[in-house]
């Protein structure tokens, strides 16, 4: 095999096994005091509000995704994110629009975090997979918000229930006792 053929074969193998660059998708809410420059958005969905034209939109997440929107209290934005079988970490940030500090609560996966329009980034304390509903409820002021969903290698490890772990421990002691008894005989 010539050097050129070997080099091309090695390049083909490395191209197949090289990690793919992670692209990012930008989805924007079209209603409310949402993002000012919607021309940057890959997709524009209408108002995420329950009384909007696109209530509770379903967003299928297959890569790193950024979602931008806006809300005025006392309204709420609700959307669904389907992560499939992949695992994602979620961060949230928002900025106040106007003179009143934006305040809100973000609920997903049975957990609620309180957020404000200071521009600080809040990390959601959960790893997400499957279908999840997100509800952002404005409690003061108006704000522009941003959610980032990033793939993660962390996974949800189910806890072993106590009755099952107790049975496993008893089985281990029984096996150890049986082996010790058999060895002495």
N, C-alpha and C. Protein backbone atom coordinates (compact mmCIF):
# COMPACT_ATOMS: atom_id res chain seq x y z
N UNK A 1 0.86 -1.17 0.00
CA UNK A 1 0.00 0.00 0.00
C UNK A 1 0.90 1.23 0.00
N UNK A 2 0.59 2.18 -0.86
CA UNK A 2 1.42 3.37 -0.96
C UNK A 2 1.20 4.25 0.26
N UNK A 3 2.13 5.19 0.47
CA UNK A 3 2.01 6.12 1.59
C UNK A 3 0.76 6.98 1.45
N UNK A 4 0.45 7.39 0.23
CA UNK A 4 -0.73 8.22 -0.01
C UNK A 4 -2.02 7.46 0.32
N UNK A 5 -2.09 6.19 -0.10
CA UNK A 5 -3.28 5.39 0.19
C UNK A 5 -3.43 5.19 1.70
N UNK A 6 -2.32 4.91 2.39
CA UNK A 6 -2.36 4.74 3.85
C UNK A 6 -2.78 6.02 4.54
N UNK A 7 -2.26 7.16 4.07
CA UNK A 7 -2.63 8.46 4.64
C UNK A 7 -4.12 8.73 4.46
N UNK A 8 -4.63 8.48 3.25
CA UNK A 8 -6.06 8.70 2.98
C UNK A 8 -6.93 7.77 3.81
N UNK A 9 -6.51 6.52 3.98
CA UNK A 9 -7.27 5.58 4.82
C UNK A 9 -7.29 6.06 6.26
N UNK A 10 -6.16 6.54 6.78
CA UNK A 10 -6.09 7.03 8.16
C UNK A 10 -6.98 8.27 8.32
N UNK A 11 -6.99 9.15 7.32
CA UNK A 11 -7.83 10.35 7.38
C UNK A 11 -9.31 9.96 7.39
N UNK A 12 -9.68 8.97 6.59
CA UNK A 12 -11.07 8.52 6.54
C UNK A 12 -11.50 7.95 7.88
N UNK A 13 -10.65 7.14 8.50
CA UNK A 13 -10.96 6.55 9.81
C UNK A 13 -11.07 7.65 10.86
N UNK A 14 -10.14 8.60 10.86
CA UNK A 14 -10.19 9.66 11.87
C UNK A 14 -11.40 10.55 11.65
N UNK A 15 -11.83 10.75 10.41
CA UNK A 15 -13.02 11.56 10.15
C UNK A 15 -14.27 10.87 10.67
N UNK A 16 -14.31 9.55 10.55
CA UNK A 16 -15.47 8.80 11.02
C UNK A 16 -15.55 8.83 12.55
N UNK A 17 -14.42 8.70 13.21
CA UNK A 17 -14.42 8.60 14.67
C UNK A 17 -14.17 9.92 15.38
N UNK A 18 -13.91 10.99 14.65
CA UNK A 18 -13.69 12.29 15.29
C UNK A 18 -15.00 12.77 15.89
N UNK A 19 -14.94 13.42 17.07
CA UNK A 19 -16.18 13.93 17.65
C UNK A 19 -16.76 15.02 16.76
N UNK A 20 -18.09 15.00 16.65
CA UNK A 20 -18.76 15.99 15.84
C UNK A 20 -18.77 17.32 16.57
N UNK A 21 -18.59 18.40 15.84
CA UNK A 21 -18.69 19.73 16.44
C UNK A 21 -20.14 19.94 16.85
N UNK A 22 -20.33 20.49 18.02
CA UNK A 22 -21.68 20.68 18.52
C UNK A 22 -22.26 21.99 17.97
N UNK A 23 -23.22 21.85 17.10
CA UNK A 23 -23.91 23.02 16.55
C UNK A 23 -24.89 23.53 17.60
N UNK A 24 -25.37 24.72 17.40
CA UNK A 24 -26.30 25.30 18.34
C UNK A 24 -27.50 25.85 17.59
N UNK A 25 -28.69 25.67 18.15
CA UNK A 25 -29.92 26.16 17.56
C UNK A 25 -30.44 27.30 18.41
N UNK A 26 -30.93 28.36 17.77
CA UNK A 26 -31.51 29.50 18.48
C UNK A 26 -32.99 29.58 18.13
N UNK A 27 -33.84 29.42 19.15
CA UNK A 27 -35.30 29.50 18.99
C UNK A 27 -35.77 30.74 19.73
N UNK A 28 -36.61 31.54 19.10
CA UNK A 28 -37.10 32.77 19.73
C UNK A 28 -38.62 32.76 19.84
N UNK A 29 -39.08 33.25 20.98
CA UNK A 29 -40.51 33.48 21.17
C UNK A 29 -40.86 34.76 20.41
N UNK A 30 -41.95 34.75 19.68
CA UNK A 30 -42.31 35.90 18.87
C UNK A 30 -43.10 36.96 19.60
N UNK A 31 -43.76 36.63 20.70
CA UNK A 31 -44.60 37.59 21.39
C UNK A 31 -43.93 38.18 22.61
N UNK A 32 -44.69 38.99 23.34
CA UNK A 32 -44.18 39.61 24.57
C UNK A 32 -43.02 40.53 24.28
N UNK A 33 -42.33 41.01 25.31
CA UNK A 33 -41.14 41.84 25.09
C UNK A 33 -39.95 40.94 24.78
N UNK A 34 -40.11 40.10 23.76
CA UNK A 34 -39.09 39.11 23.41
C UNK A 34 -37.84 39.74 22.84
N UNK A 35 -36.98 38.92 22.27
CA UNK A 35 -35.71 39.40 21.76
C UNK A 35 -35.92 40.48 20.69
N UNK A 36 -35.10 41.52 20.74
CA UNK A 36 -35.24 42.63 19.82
C UNK A 36 -34.86 42.22 18.39
N UNK A 37 -33.81 41.42 18.25
CA UNK A 37 -33.32 41.07 16.92
C UNK A 37 -33.67 39.62 16.60
N UNK A 38 -34.85 39.42 16.04
CA UNK A 38 -35.31 38.06 15.72
C UNK A 38 -34.67 37.52 14.45
N UNK A 39 -33.93 38.37 13.72
CA UNK A 39 -33.29 37.89 12.49
C UNK A 39 -32.14 36.92 12.80
N UNK A 40 -31.62 36.94 14.04
CA UNK A 40 -30.58 35.99 14.45
C UNK A 40 -31.14 34.59 14.71
N UNK A 41 -32.46 34.49 14.87
CA UNK A 41 -33.10 33.24 15.30
C UNK A 41 -33.19 32.24 14.15
N UNK A 42 -32.93 30.97 14.47
CA UNK A 42 -33.14 29.89 13.50
C UNK A 42 -34.63 29.62 13.32
N UNK A 43 -35.40 29.75 14.41
CA UNK A 43 -36.85 29.52 14.39
C UNK A 43 -37.49 30.58 15.26
N UNK A 44 -38.63 31.11 14.82
CA UNK A 44 -39.41 32.04 15.63
C UNK A 44 -40.77 31.41 15.86
N UNK A 45 -41.09 31.16 17.11
CA UNK A 45 -42.40 30.63 17.50
C UNK A 45 -43.19 31.78 18.10
N UNK A 46 -44.49 31.75 17.99
CA UNK A 46 -45.29 32.84 18.50
C UNK A 46 -45.27 32.85 20.03
N UNK A 47 -46.11 33.64 20.65
CA UNK A 47 -46.11 33.85 22.10
C UNK A 47 -46.29 32.54 22.86
N UNK A 48 -45.40 32.26 23.82
CA UNK A 48 -45.46 31.05 24.64
C UNK A 48 -46.54 31.14 25.72
N UNK A 49 -47.21 32.27 25.81
CA UNK A 49 -48.26 32.48 26.81
C UNK A 49 -49.43 31.54 26.52
N UNK A 50 -50.15 31.15 27.57
CA UNK A 50 -51.30 30.26 27.39
C UNK A 50 -52.39 30.89 26.54
N UNK A 51 -52.44 32.23 26.48
CA UNK A 51 -53.48 32.87 25.67
C UNK A 51 -52.94 33.32 24.32
N UNK A 52 -51.72 32.93 23.98
CA UNK A 52 -51.13 33.32 22.71
C UNK A 52 -51.53 32.40 21.57
N UNK A 53 -50.98 32.68 20.40
CA UNK A 53 -51.31 31.90 19.20
C UNK A 53 -50.62 30.54 19.19
N UNK A 54 -49.58 30.36 20.00
CA UNK A 54 -48.81 29.10 20.02
C UNK A 54 -48.62 28.66 21.47
N UNK A 55 -49.74 28.37 22.19
CA UNK A 55 -49.61 28.04 23.61
C UNK A 55 -48.87 26.71 23.81
N UNK A 56 -48.01 26.69 24.79
CA UNK A 56 -47.26 25.49 25.18
C UNK A 56 -46.59 24.80 23.98
N UNK A 57 -45.77 25.52 23.21
CA UNK A 57 -45.16 24.88 22.04
C UNK A 57 -44.27 23.72 22.47
N UNK A 58 -44.20 22.72 21.61
CA UNK A 58 -43.34 21.56 21.83
C UNK A 58 -42.06 21.78 21.03
N UNK A 59 -40.93 21.84 21.73
CA UNK A 59 -39.63 22.05 21.10
C UNK A 59 -38.83 20.76 21.23
N UNK A 60 -38.47 20.17 20.11
CA UNK A 60 -37.66 18.95 20.13
C UNK A 60 -36.20 19.35 20.15
N UNK A 61 -35.48 18.93 21.19
CA UNK A 61 -34.10 19.34 21.39
C UNK A 61 -33.18 18.19 20.99
N UNK A 62 -32.31 18.43 20.01
CA UNK A 62 -31.40 17.39 19.53
C UNK A 62 -29.94 17.82 19.59
N UNK A 63 -29.69 19.06 20.04
CA UNK A 63 -28.33 19.59 20.14
C UNK A 63 -28.36 20.75 21.12
N UNK A 64 -27.22 21.38 21.34
CA UNK A 64 -27.19 22.56 22.20
C UNK A 64 -28.18 23.57 21.64
N UNK A 65 -29.05 24.08 22.51
CA UNK A 65 -30.13 24.96 22.06
C UNK A 65 -30.27 26.14 23.00
N UNK A 66 -30.49 27.30 22.41
CA UNK A 66 -30.76 28.52 23.17
C UNK A 66 -32.16 28.97 22.81
N UNK A 67 -32.95 29.31 23.84
CA UNK A 67 -34.32 29.78 23.63
C UNK A 67 -34.41 31.16 24.27
N UNK A 68 -34.91 32.13 23.50
CA UNK A 68 -35.04 33.50 24.00
C UNK A 68 -36.51 33.91 23.96
N UNK A 69 -36.92 34.65 24.98
CA UNK A 69 -38.29 35.13 25.02
C UNK A 69 -38.41 36.35 25.90
N UNK A 70 -39.64 36.75 26.14
CA UNK A 70 -39.91 37.89 27.00
C UNK A 70 -41.25 37.71 27.68
N UNK A 71 -41.39 38.36 28.83
CA UNK A 71 -42.63 38.20 29.61
C UNK A 71 -42.85 39.46 30.45
N UNK A 72 -44.10 39.78 30.68
CA UNK A 72 -44.50 40.87 31.56
C UNK A 72 -45.36 40.27 32.65
N UNK A 73 -45.08 40.62 33.92
CA UNK A 73 -45.90 40.09 35.00
C UNK A 73 -47.29 40.73 34.92
N UNK A 74 -48.33 40.05 35.28
CA UNK A 74 -48.41 38.78 35.98
C UNK A 74 -48.59 37.58 35.04
N UNK A 75 -48.16 37.69 33.81
CA UNK A 75 -48.37 36.62 32.84
C UNK A 75 -47.36 35.49 33.02
N UNK A 76 -47.57 34.42 32.25
CA UNK A 76 -46.63 33.30 32.29
C UNK A 76 -46.37 32.81 30.89
N UNK A 77 -45.18 32.25 30.71
CA UNK A 77 -44.80 31.58 29.47
C UNK A 77 -44.65 30.10 29.80
N UNK A 78 -45.21 29.26 28.94
CA UNK A 78 -45.11 27.82 29.13
C UNK A 78 -44.68 27.18 27.82
N UNK A 79 -43.73 26.28 27.89
CA UNK A 79 -43.29 25.55 26.70
C UNK A 79 -42.84 24.16 27.12
N UNK A 80 -42.80 23.25 26.16
CA UNK A 80 -42.35 21.89 26.42
C UNK A 80 -41.06 21.65 25.65
N UNK A 81 -40.16 20.93 26.27
CA UNK A 81 -38.91 20.55 25.62
C UNK A 81 -38.80 19.03 25.67
N UNK A 82 -38.64 18.42 24.50
CA UNK A 82 -38.47 16.97 24.41
C UNK A 82 -37.00 16.69 24.11
N UNK A 83 -36.30 16.12 25.11
CA UNK A 83 -34.88 15.82 24.99
C UNK A 83 -34.63 14.41 24.48
N UNK A 84 -35.70 13.66 24.22
CA UNK A 84 -35.54 12.28 23.78
C UNK A 84 -34.85 11.47 24.87
N UNK A 85 -33.88 10.64 24.47
CA UNK A 85 -33.16 9.81 25.45
C UNK A 85 -31.84 10.45 25.87
N UNK A 86 -31.55 11.65 25.34
CA UNK A 86 -30.31 12.33 25.71
C UNK A 86 -30.48 13.08 27.02
N UNK A 87 -29.36 13.47 27.63
CA UNK A 87 -29.37 14.17 28.91
C UNK A 87 -28.86 15.60 28.71
N UNK A 88 -29.54 16.56 29.33
CA UNK A 88 -29.22 17.98 29.16
C UNK A 88 -29.17 18.70 30.49
N UNK A 89 -28.28 19.69 30.57
CA UNK A 89 -28.24 20.63 31.68
C UNK A 89 -28.89 21.92 31.19
N UNK A 90 -29.59 22.62 32.09
CA UNK A 90 -30.33 23.82 31.73
C UNK A 90 -29.81 25.00 32.56
N UNK A 91 -29.55 26.13 31.89
CA UNK A 91 -29.27 27.38 32.59
C UNK A 91 -30.29 28.42 32.14
N UNK A 92 -30.54 29.41 33.00
CA UNK A 92 -31.54 30.45 32.73
C UNK A 92 -30.96 31.79 33.14
N UNK A 93 -31.20 32.80 32.32
CA UNK A 93 -30.83 34.17 32.68
C UNK A 93 -31.89 35.11 32.14
N UNK A 94 -31.98 36.31 32.74
CA UNK A 94 -32.96 37.29 32.28
C UNK A 94 -32.47 38.69 32.61
N UNK A 95 -32.97 39.63 31.86
CA UNK A 95 -32.68 41.05 32.08
C UNK A 95 -33.99 41.80 32.18
N UNK A 96 -34.03 42.78 33.07
CA UNK A 96 -35.22 43.61 33.21
C UNK A 96 -35.39 44.50 31.99
N UNK A 97 -36.65 44.74 31.64
CA UNK A 97 -37.00 45.69 30.60
C UNK A 97 -37.81 46.78 31.29
N UNK A 98 -37.33 48.00 31.29
CA UNK A 98 -38.02 49.09 31.99
C UNK A 98 -37.36 49.37 33.34
N UNK A 99 -38.07 50.15 34.16
CA UNK A 99 -37.50 50.62 35.43
C UNK A 99 -37.72 49.67 36.61
N UNK A 100 -38.63 48.72 36.48
CA UNK A 100 -38.93 47.79 37.57
C UNK A 100 -38.11 46.51 37.39
N UNK A 101 -37.46 46.06 38.48
CA UNK A 101 -36.68 44.82 38.42
C UNK A 101 -37.60 43.66 38.09
N UNK A 102 -37.25 42.90 37.07
CA UNK A 102 -38.03 41.72 36.68
C UNK A 102 -37.79 40.62 37.71
N UNK A 103 -38.87 40.00 38.16
CA UNK A 103 -38.80 38.85 39.06
C UNK A 103 -39.77 37.79 38.55
N UNK A 104 -39.37 36.53 38.70
CA UNK A 104 -40.22 35.43 38.21
C UNK A 104 -39.82 34.14 38.90
N UNK A 105 -40.63 33.12 38.68
CA UNK A 105 -40.28 31.76 39.12
C UNK A 105 -40.31 30.86 37.88
N UNK A 106 -39.35 29.95 37.82
CA UNK A 106 -39.26 29.00 36.71
C UNK A 106 -39.45 27.61 37.29
N UNK A 107 -40.45 26.88 36.77
CA UNK A 107 -40.77 25.54 37.28
C UNK A 107 -40.58 24.54 36.16
N UNK A 108 -39.89 23.45 36.49
CA UNK A 108 -39.72 22.32 35.57
C UNK A 108 -39.29 21.11 36.37
N UNK A 109 -39.75 19.95 35.96
CA UNK A 109 -39.35 18.72 36.62
C UNK A 109 -39.70 18.66 38.10
N UNK A 110 -40.75 19.37 38.52
CA UNK A 110 -41.15 19.38 39.92
C UNK A 110 -40.29 20.28 40.79
N UNK A 111 -39.40 21.06 40.19
CA UNK A 111 -38.52 21.96 40.93
C UNK A 111 -38.78 23.39 40.47
N UNK A 112 -38.80 24.33 41.41
CA UNK A 112 -39.01 25.74 41.10
C UNK A 112 -37.80 26.54 41.56
N UNK A 113 -37.31 27.42 40.68
CA UNK A 113 -36.24 28.34 41.08
C UNK A 113 -36.75 29.76 40.89
N UNK A 114 -36.38 30.65 41.79
CA UNK A 114 -36.74 32.06 41.68
C UNK A 114 -35.62 32.76 40.92
N UNK A 115 -36.01 33.59 39.96
CA UNK A 115 -35.05 34.28 39.11
C UNK A 115 -35.36 35.77 39.12
N UNK A 116 -34.39 36.56 38.71
CA UNK A 116 -34.60 38.00 38.61
C UNK A 116 -33.96 38.52 37.33
N UNK A 117 -34.21 39.78 37.05
CA UNK A 117 -33.72 40.39 35.82
C UNK A 117 -32.36 41.03 35.94
N UNK A 118 -31.53 40.52 36.84
CA UNK A 118 -30.20 41.12 37.06
C UNK A 118 -29.18 40.70 36.02
N UNK A 119 -29.53 39.74 35.17
CA UNK A 119 -28.58 39.22 34.19
C UNK A 119 -27.80 38.03 34.71
N UNK A 120 -27.99 37.67 35.98
CA UNK A 120 -27.29 36.52 36.56
C UNK A 120 -27.78 35.23 35.90
N UNK A 121 -26.89 34.25 35.81
CA UNK A 121 -27.25 32.95 35.24
C UNK A 121 -27.56 31.99 36.37
N UNK A 122 -28.71 31.34 36.27
CA UNK A 122 -29.15 30.36 37.26
C UNK A 122 -29.04 28.97 36.62
N UNK A 123 -28.40 28.06 37.32
CA UNK A 123 -28.30 26.69 36.83
C UNK A 123 -29.41 25.87 37.46
N UNK A 124 -30.18 25.19 36.62
CA UNK A 124 -31.26 24.35 37.14
C UNK A 124 -30.63 23.14 37.83
N UNK A 125 -31.09 22.77 39.02
CA UNK A 125 -30.43 21.70 39.79
C UNK A 125 -30.81 20.29 39.34
N UNK A 126 -31.24 20.13 38.10
CA UNK A 126 -31.65 18.81 37.60
C UNK A 126 -30.95 18.51 36.29
N UNK A 127 -30.86 17.23 35.95
CA UNK A 127 -30.46 16.80 34.62
C UNK A 127 -31.76 16.39 33.92
N UNK A 128 -31.98 16.89 32.71
CA UNK A 128 -33.24 16.66 32.01
C UNK A 128 -33.09 15.62 30.91
N UNK A 129 -34.11 14.80 30.75
CA UNK A 129 -34.23 13.83 29.67
C UNK A 129 -35.72 13.65 29.41
N UNK A 130 -36.08 13.17 28.24
CA UNK A 130 -37.50 12.95 27.93
C UNK A 130 -38.26 14.26 27.76
N UNK A 131 -39.58 14.20 27.94
CA UNK A 131 -40.46 15.35 27.75
C UNK A 131 -40.63 16.11 29.07
N UNK A 132 -40.39 17.42 29.05
CA UNK A 132 -40.51 18.27 30.24
C UNK A 132 -41.25 19.54 29.89
N UNK A 133 -42.09 20.01 30.82
CA UNK A 133 -42.81 21.27 30.67
C UNK A 133 -42.11 22.32 31.53
N UNK A 134 -41.87 23.49 30.95
CA UNK A 134 -41.25 24.62 31.64
C UNK A 134 -42.29 25.72 31.75
N UNK A 135 -42.44 26.31 32.95
CA UNK A 135 -43.38 27.40 33.17
C UNK A 135 -42.64 28.54 33.86
N UNK A 136 -42.61 29.68 33.20
CA UNK A 136 -42.00 30.89 33.76
C UNK A 136 -43.14 31.83 34.12
N UNK A 137 -43.28 32.14 35.41
CA UNK A 137 -44.36 32.99 35.90
C UNK A 137 -43.77 34.31 36.37
N UNK A 138 -44.14 35.40 35.68
CA UNK A 138 -43.66 36.72 36.07
C UNK A 138 -44.38 37.20 37.32
N UNK A 139 -43.61 37.71 38.29
CA UNK A 139 -44.21 38.22 39.53
C UNK A 139 -44.01 39.72 39.69
N UNK A 140 -43.06 40.33 38.94
CA UNK A 140 -42.85 41.78 38.98
C UNK A 140 -42.12 42.21 37.72
N UNK A 141 -42.53 43.36 37.18
CA UNK A 141 -41.82 43.95 36.05
C UNK A 141 -41.95 43.16 34.76
N UNK A 142 -41.08 43.51 33.82
CA UNK A 142 -40.99 42.84 32.52
C UNK A 142 -39.55 42.42 32.31
N UNK A 143 -39.39 41.35 31.55
CA UNK A 143 -38.02 40.89 31.32
C UNK A 143 -37.86 40.14 30.03
N UNK A 144 -36.65 40.13 29.52
CA UNK A 144 -36.26 39.27 28.42
C UNK A 144 -35.49 38.12 29.03
N UNK A 145 -35.80 36.89 28.62
CA UNK A 145 -35.18 35.73 29.24
C UNK A 145 -34.50 34.86 28.20
N UNK A 146 -33.62 34.00 28.71
CA UNK A 146 -32.86 33.09 27.85
C UNK A 146 -32.66 31.77 28.58
N UNK A 147 -32.96 30.67 27.91
CA UNK A 147 -32.73 29.32 28.43
C UNK A 147 -31.69 28.66 27.53
N UNK A 148 -30.68 28.05 28.12
CA UNK A 148 -29.69 27.30 27.37
C UNK A 148 -29.76 25.84 27.78
N UNK A 149 -29.91 24.98 26.80
CA UNK A 149 -29.92 23.53 27.02
C UNK A 149 -28.64 22.98 26.41
N UNK A 150 -27.80 22.37 27.24
CA UNK A 150 -26.52 21.84 26.77
C UNK A 150 -26.45 20.35 27.04
N UNK A 151 -26.08 19.56 26.04
CA UNK A 151 -25.93 18.12 26.27
C UNK A 151 -24.89 17.87 27.36
N UNK A 152 -25.11 16.82 28.12
CA UNK A 152 -24.17 16.48 29.19
C UNK A 152 -23.93 14.98 29.20
N UNK A 153 -22.77 14.59 29.69
CA UNK A 153 -22.48 13.17 29.83
C UNK A 153 -22.99 12.64 31.17
N UNK A 154 -23.39 13.57 32.06
CA UNK A 154 -23.97 13.14 33.33
C UNK A 154 -25.30 12.46 33.04
N UNK A 155 -25.65 11.48 33.85
CA UNK A 155 -26.90 10.78 33.65
C UNK A 155 -27.64 10.63 34.95
N UNK A 156 -28.91 10.38 34.84
CA UNK A 156 -29.74 10.14 36.02
C UNK A 156 -29.53 8.69 36.43
N UNK A 157 -29.08 8.48 37.65
CA UNK A 157 -28.87 7.13 38.16
C UNK A 157 -29.98 6.85 39.16
N UNK A 158 -30.84 5.89 38.83
CA UNK A 158 -31.93 5.62 39.76
C UNK A 158 -31.40 5.04 41.07
N UNK A 159 -31.98 5.49 42.16
CA UNK A 159 -31.60 4.99 43.47
C UNK A 159 -32.15 3.58 43.66
N UNK A 160 -31.39 2.75 44.35
CA UNK A 160 -31.88 1.41 44.67
C UNK A 160 -32.76 1.54 45.90
N UNK A 161 -34.01 1.13 45.81
CA UNK A 161 -34.90 1.26 46.97
C UNK A 161 -34.34 0.49 48.17
N UNK A 162 -34.61 0.99 49.37
CA UNK A 162 -34.08 0.37 50.58
C UNK A 162 -34.46 -1.09 50.74
N UNK A 163 -35.69 -1.49 50.50
CA UNK A 163 -35.99 -2.92 50.64
C UNK A 163 -35.14 -3.78 49.70
N UNK A 164 -34.93 -3.32 48.49
CA UNK A 164 -34.11 -4.10 47.55
C UNK A 164 -32.65 -4.12 47.98
N UNK A 165 -32.13 -2.97 48.47
CA UNK A 165 -30.73 -2.95 48.90
C UNK A 165 -30.54 -3.82 50.14
N UNK A 166 -31.55 -3.87 51.01
CA UNK A 166 -31.46 -4.75 52.19
C UNK A 166 -31.40 -6.21 51.78
N UNK A 167 -32.20 -6.56 50.78
CA UNK A 167 -32.18 -7.94 50.29
C UNK A 167 -30.83 -8.26 49.64
N UNK A 168 -30.28 -7.32 48.91
CA UNK A 168 -28.96 -7.53 48.31
C UNK A 168 -27.89 -7.74 49.39
N UNK A 169 -27.95 -6.95 50.47
CA UNK A 169 -27.00 -7.08 51.56
C UNK A 169 -27.14 -8.44 52.24
N UNK A 170 -28.36 -8.86 52.49
CA UNK A 170 -28.58 -10.18 53.11
C UNK A 170 -28.07 -11.30 52.20
N UNK A 171 -28.31 -11.17 50.89
CA UNK A 171 -27.83 -12.18 49.95
C UNK A 171 -26.30 -12.24 49.95
N UNK A 172 -25.65 -11.08 50.03
CA UNK A 172 -24.18 -11.04 50.05
C UNK A 172 -23.65 -11.71 51.32
N UNK A 173 -24.26 -11.41 52.48
CA UNK A 173 -23.84 -12.06 53.72
C UNK A 173 -24.07 -13.57 53.65
N UNK A 174 -25.20 -13.96 53.09
CA UNK A 174 -25.50 -15.39 52.96
C UNK A 174 -24.48 -16.09 52.07
N UNK A 175 -24.12 -15.47 50.95
CA UNK A 175 -23.14 -16.06 50.04
C UNK A 175 -21.78 -16.15 50.71
N UNK A 176 -21.40 -15.09 51.46
CA UNK A 176 -20.11 -15.12 52.16
C UNK A 176 -20.10 -16.21 53.22
N UNK A 177 -21.20 -16.35 53.95
CA UNK A 177 -21.29 -17.39 54.98
C UNK A 177 -21.24 -18.78 54.35
N UNK A 178 -21.94 -18.96 53.24
CA UNK A 178 -21.93 -20.25 52.55
C UNK A 178 -20.52 -20.59 52.06
N UNK A 179 -19.83 -19.59 51.50
CA UNK A 179 -18.46 -19.83 51.00
C UNK A 179 -17.52 -20.16 52.15
N UNK A 180 -17.65 -19.47 53.28
CA UNK A 180 -16.79 -19.74 54.43
C UNK A 180 -17.06 -21.13 55.00
N UNK A 181 -18.32 -21.50 55.06
CA UNK A 181 -18.67 -22.82 55.59
C UNK A 181 -18.17 -23.93 54.67
N UNK A 182 -18.28 -23.70 53.36
CA UNK A 182 -17.86 -24.69 52.40
C UNK A 182 -16.33 -24.86 52.44
N UNK A 183 -15.61 -23.74 52.65
CA UNK A 183 -14.16 -23.79 52.69
C UNK A 183 -13.67 -24.55 53.92
N UNK A 184 -14.35 -24.41 55.05
CA UNK A 184 -13.91 -25.09 56.27
C UNK A 184 -14.26 -26.57 56.27
N UNK A 185 -15.14 -26.99 55.39
CA UNK A 185 -15.56 -28.38 55.38
C UNK A 185 -14.66 -29.27 54.56
